[in-house]
Amino acid sequence: MRTTMTIDEDIAAQIKKKRIVENGKSFKEVVNETLRDGLRFAAESERKPKRKFELKGRILRSRMAFNFNKVHQLVEVVDEEHDFK
């Protein structure tokens, strides 16, 4: 199939580099191979089951003897440790 399309300069530069590395393949061959590889990769990644992200929580215990829900107690402890008075 023949078609006309605009290729961004950075993509065209990459294709030209790939042509040199792959022993002078035609621009058309390199574009077709690259499109096939991209489509194959997309199809394979859709088929792969996604790993479920799981975060295990744990209970944090305070080493100090005050309730973190009571902010004024925390402020008093910090003030005493740093002598902000």
C-alpha atoms as a PDB file:
ATOM      1  CA  MET A   1       0.000   0.000   0.000  1.00  0.00           C
ATOM      2  CA  ARG A   2       1.303   3.439  -0.843  1.00  0.00           C
ATOM      3  CA  THR A   3       0.616   6.362   1.397  1.00  0.00           C
ATOM      4  CA  THR A   4       2.035   9.748   2.227  1.00  0.00           C
ATOM      5  CA  MET A   5       2.906  10.618   5.777  1.00  0.00           C
ATOM      6  CA  THR A   6       4.933  13.236   7.575  1.00  0.00           C
ATOM      7  CA  ILE A   7       7.741  11.906   9.750  1.00  0.00           C
ATOM      8  CA  ASP A   8       9.194  14.121  12.460  1.00  0.00           C
ATOM      9  CA  GLU A   9      12.843  15.104  12.020  1.00  0.00           C
ATOM     10  CA  ASP A  10      14.035  13.235  15.110  1.00  0.00           C
ATOM     11  CA  ILE A  11      12.344  10.013  13.956  1.00  0.00           C
ATOM     12  CA  ALA A  12      13.750  10.380  10.427  1.00  0.00           C
ATOM     13  CA  ALA A  13      17.240  10.819  11.905  1.00  0.00           C
ATOM     14  CA  GLN A  14      16.842   7.631  13.955  1.00  0.00           C
ATOM     15  CA  ILE A  15      15.661   5.713  10.884  1.00  0.00           C
ATOM     16  CA  LYS A  16      18.653   6.962   8.883  1.00  0.00           C
ATOM     17  CA  LYS A  17      21.031   5.862  11.669  1.00  0.00           C
ATOM     18  CA  LYS A  18      19.350   2.447  11.759  1.00  0.00           C
ATOM     19  CA  ARG A  19      19.786   2.135   7.977  1.00  0.00           C
ATOM     20  CA  ILE A  20      23.537   2.654   8.360  1.00  0.00           C
ATOM     21  CA  VAL A  21      23.806   0.119  11.194  1.00  0.00           C
ATOM     22  CA  GLU A  22      21.784  -2.475   9.294  1.00  0.00           C
ATOM     23  CA  ASN A  23      23.993  -2.400   6.198  1.00  0.00           C
ATOM     24  CA  GLY A  24      22.189   0.046   3.979  1.00  0.00           C
ATOM     25  CA  LYS A  25      18.622  -1.230   4.088  1.00  0.00           C
ATOM     26  CA  SER A  26      16.164   0.997   2.270  1.00  0.00           C
ATOM     27  CA  PHE A  27      14.268   3.679   4.174  1.00  0.00           C
ATOM     28  CA  LYS A  28      11.044   1.818   3.406  1.00  0.00           C
ATOM     29  CA  GLU A  29      12.383  -1.467   4.861  1.00  0.00           C
ATOM     30  CA  VAL A  30      13.560   0.180   8.052  1.00  0.00           C
ATOM     31  CA  VAL A  31      10.237   2.024   8.540  1.00  0.00           C
ATOM     32  CA  ASN A  32       8.240  -1.171   7.972  1.00  0.00           C
ATOM     33  CA  GLU A  33      10.422  -3.215  10.352  1.00  0.00           C
ATOM     34  CA  THR A  34      10.209  -0.521  13.006  1.00  0.00           C
ATOM     35  CA  LEU A  35       6.420  -0.323  12.708  1.00  0.00           C
ATOM     36  CA  ARG A  36       6.149  -4.128  12.891  1.00  0.00           C
ATOM     37  CA  ASP A  37       8.366  -4.222  15.992  1.00  0.00           C
ATOM     38  CA  GLY A  38       6.323  -1.481  17.660  1.00  0.00           C
ATOM     39  CA  LEU A  39       3.014  -3.135  16.879  1.00  0.00           C
ATOM     40  CA  ARG A  40       4.309  -6.529  18.042  1.00  0.00           C
ATOM     41  CA  PHE A  41       5.548  -4.994  21.296  1.00  0.00           C
ATOM     42  CA  ALA A  42       2.187  -3.291  21.876  1.00  0.00           C
ATOM     43  CA  ALA A  43       0.299  -6.541  21.234  1.00  0.00           C
ATOM     44  CA  GLU A  44       2.583  -8.527  23.553  1.00  0.00           C
ATOM     45  CA  SER A  45       2.333  -6.014  26.375  1.00  0.00           C
ATOM     46  CA  GLU A  46      -1.475  -6.104  26.128  1.00  0.00           C
ATOM     47  CA  ARG A  47      -1.442  -9.891  26.478  1.00  0.00           C
ATOM     48  CA  LYS A  48       0.882  -9.974  29.479  1.00  0.00           C
ATOM     49  CA  PRO A  49      -0.990 -10.049  32.760  1.00  0.00           C
ATOM     50  CA  LYS A  50      -0.294  -6.962  34.803  1.00  0.00           C
ATOM     51  CA  ARG A  51       1.292  -7.608  38.184  1.00  0.00           C
ATOM     52  CA  LYS A  52      -0.891  -6.335  40.936  1.00  0.00           C
ATOM     53  CA  PHE A  53       0.888  -3.811  43.116  1.00  0.00           C
ATOM     54  CA  GLU A  54       0.453  -4.668  46.730  1.00  0.00           C
ATOM     55  CA  LEU A  55       1.618  -2.665  49.695  1.00  0.00           C
ATOM     56  CA  LYS A  56       1.787  -4.368  53.050  1.00  0.00           C
ATOM     57  CA  GLY A  57       1.125  -2.093  55.974  1.00  0.00           C
ATOM     58  CA  ARG A  58       2.348  -2.482  59.474  1.00  0.00           C
ATOM     59  CA  ILE A  59       1.447  -0.979  62.800  1.00  0.00           C
ATOM     60  CA  LEU A  60       3.811   1.744  63.945  1.00  0.00           C
ATOM     61  CA  ARG A  61       4.335   2.020  67.638  1.00  0.00           C
ATOM     62  CA  SER A  62       5.616   5.091  69.405  1.00  0.00           C
ATOM     63  CA  ARG A  63       8.620   4.858  71.678  1.00  0.00           C
ATOM     64  CA  MET A  64       7.343   7.850  73.604  1.00  0.00           C
ATOM     65  CA  ALA A  65       4.542   7.866  76.119  1.00  0.00           C
ATOM     66  CA  PHE A  66       2.179  10.360  74.529  1.00  0.00           C
ATOM     67  CA  ASN A  67      -0.807  10.164  72.256  1.00  0.00           C
ATOM     68  CA  PHE A  68      -0.124  11.394  68.706  1.00  0.00           C
ATOM     69  CA  ASN A  69      -3.767  12.379  68.457  1.00  0.00           C
ATOM     70  CA  LYS A  70      -3.154  15.098  71.031  1.00  0.00           C
ATOM     71  CA  VAL A  71      -1.009  17.660  69.262  1.00  0.00           C
ATOM     72  CA  HIS A  72      -0.425  19.798  72.335  1.00  0.00           C
ATOM     73  CA  GLN A  73       1.401  16.888  74.002  1.00  0.00           C
ATOM     74  CA  LEU A  74       3.680  16.578  70.991  1.00  0.00           C
ATOM     75  CA  VAL A  75       4.397  20.316  71.009  1.00  0.00           C
ATOM     76  CA  GLU A  76       5.296  20.185  74.710  1.00  0.00           C
ATOM     77  CA  VAL A  77       7.749  17.334  74.123  1.00  0.00           C
ATOM     78  CA  VAL A  78       9.414  19.136  71.223  1.00  0.00           C
ATOM     79  CA  ASP A  79       9.611  22.380  73.219  1.00  0.00           C
ATOM     80  CA  GLU A  80      11.245  20.578  76.165  1.00  0.00           C
ATOM     81  CA  GLU A  81      13.792  18.810  73.926  1.00  0.00           C
ATOM     82  CA  HIS A  82      14.837  21.953  72.074  1.00  0.00           C
ATOM     83  CA  ASP A  83      14.245  24.495  74.833  1.00  0.00           C
ATOM     84  CA  PHE A  84      12.242  26.910  72.643  1.00  0.00           C
ATOM     85  CA  LYS A  85      10.720  28.630  75.677  1.00  0.00           C
END
